[in-house]
Amino acid sequence: MKSILAVVADGNAGPVLTAALSVGRSFQSHIVGLHAVTTEYAVVFGGEMGFSISSEVDRTLEREGQERRDQARRVFRDIMGAHDVPIGAPVQERGPTAEWREEEGRQNAVVGALGRVFDLIVVEQPAKLASLPEATLEDALFESGRPVLMTPPRNPATIGRKVVVAWNGSTETARTVAFAMPFLAKAEDVQVVSVEGGMTPGPRAEDLARSLARHGMPTSWRHVAAKSRMPGEVFLDEAQAAGADLLIKGAYTQSRLRQMIFGGATRHIIMEARIPVLMAH
């Protein structure tokens, strides 16, 4: 986890940067704060072609975009400065170090593409469905090929000291566990949890726990009865009961479209998690 991409959308990115710093300290990482700059146009009826661009509204949108950019840059510099993290340090310098970067384009598309060269992407938890933060999270998951750390509005004091793995036997979760090995190697306690009725054909929680234990990790496992709860609810309940500060979850074992229509564990966890969640697809 030597290179971290932290998505700084505006001045409310404190939780994202706090989480990136927490991880950055553990792994001596280089943290890149990314702000995507978009050009918006307002279309109004009228003119020779039946429509035109409203220059007045366009100037307003441009001004608002500049304000968001300034706020994002300011909060990044303030938080890094408050924690004595050097900005623009040489690549070879021991971390954590930081860098500010602005790119043109829609935030979700920029993150999905640029994130491919980072060890970890840190994004905010969406406050509602069908929002830009949700689109950014999903493009990071589906387009980058990298692990994504989703941070809630309030982060725990530590990230990765006590970890719960939401195991369902799937390829997606196996891939996420592989990405999470640096976190698991540093954890004081790793608990592998599977849920009755929430498994795909594949290895059991016990099998994963034994595999992790061979790496010297302090690992336990349990298979939990659902008791009329959905798997996503059970995983969050188990993480809370364990006092976990990180949940590891493979994203969208069921298709995204199916989860949009019928719901699913990933969708529930994205909207309801109160601790950071490490995901990959």
Foldseek 3Di string as FASTA:
>chain_A
DAEEEFEQAFLLSVQSVVVVVQVCVVVQHEYEYEYEQEQDWDWDADDPVRIDTDVVVSVVVVVVSVNRVVSSVVNNCVVCVVVVAAEPDDPPDGDDHYYYDYHYDQQLVCLLPVLLPGQEYEAEQDQDPPDSSVSNVVSVFPRNQHKYKYFYSDADPHALQEEEEEDAFDPLSVVQVVSCVVSQVNYQEYEYEYEVPRHDPHDDSVVVQVVSVVVVGRYDYDYYYQVPHASLVVQQVVCVVRVHQEYEYEACPPPPVCCVVPNHNNRCCSNDHNHMYIYHD
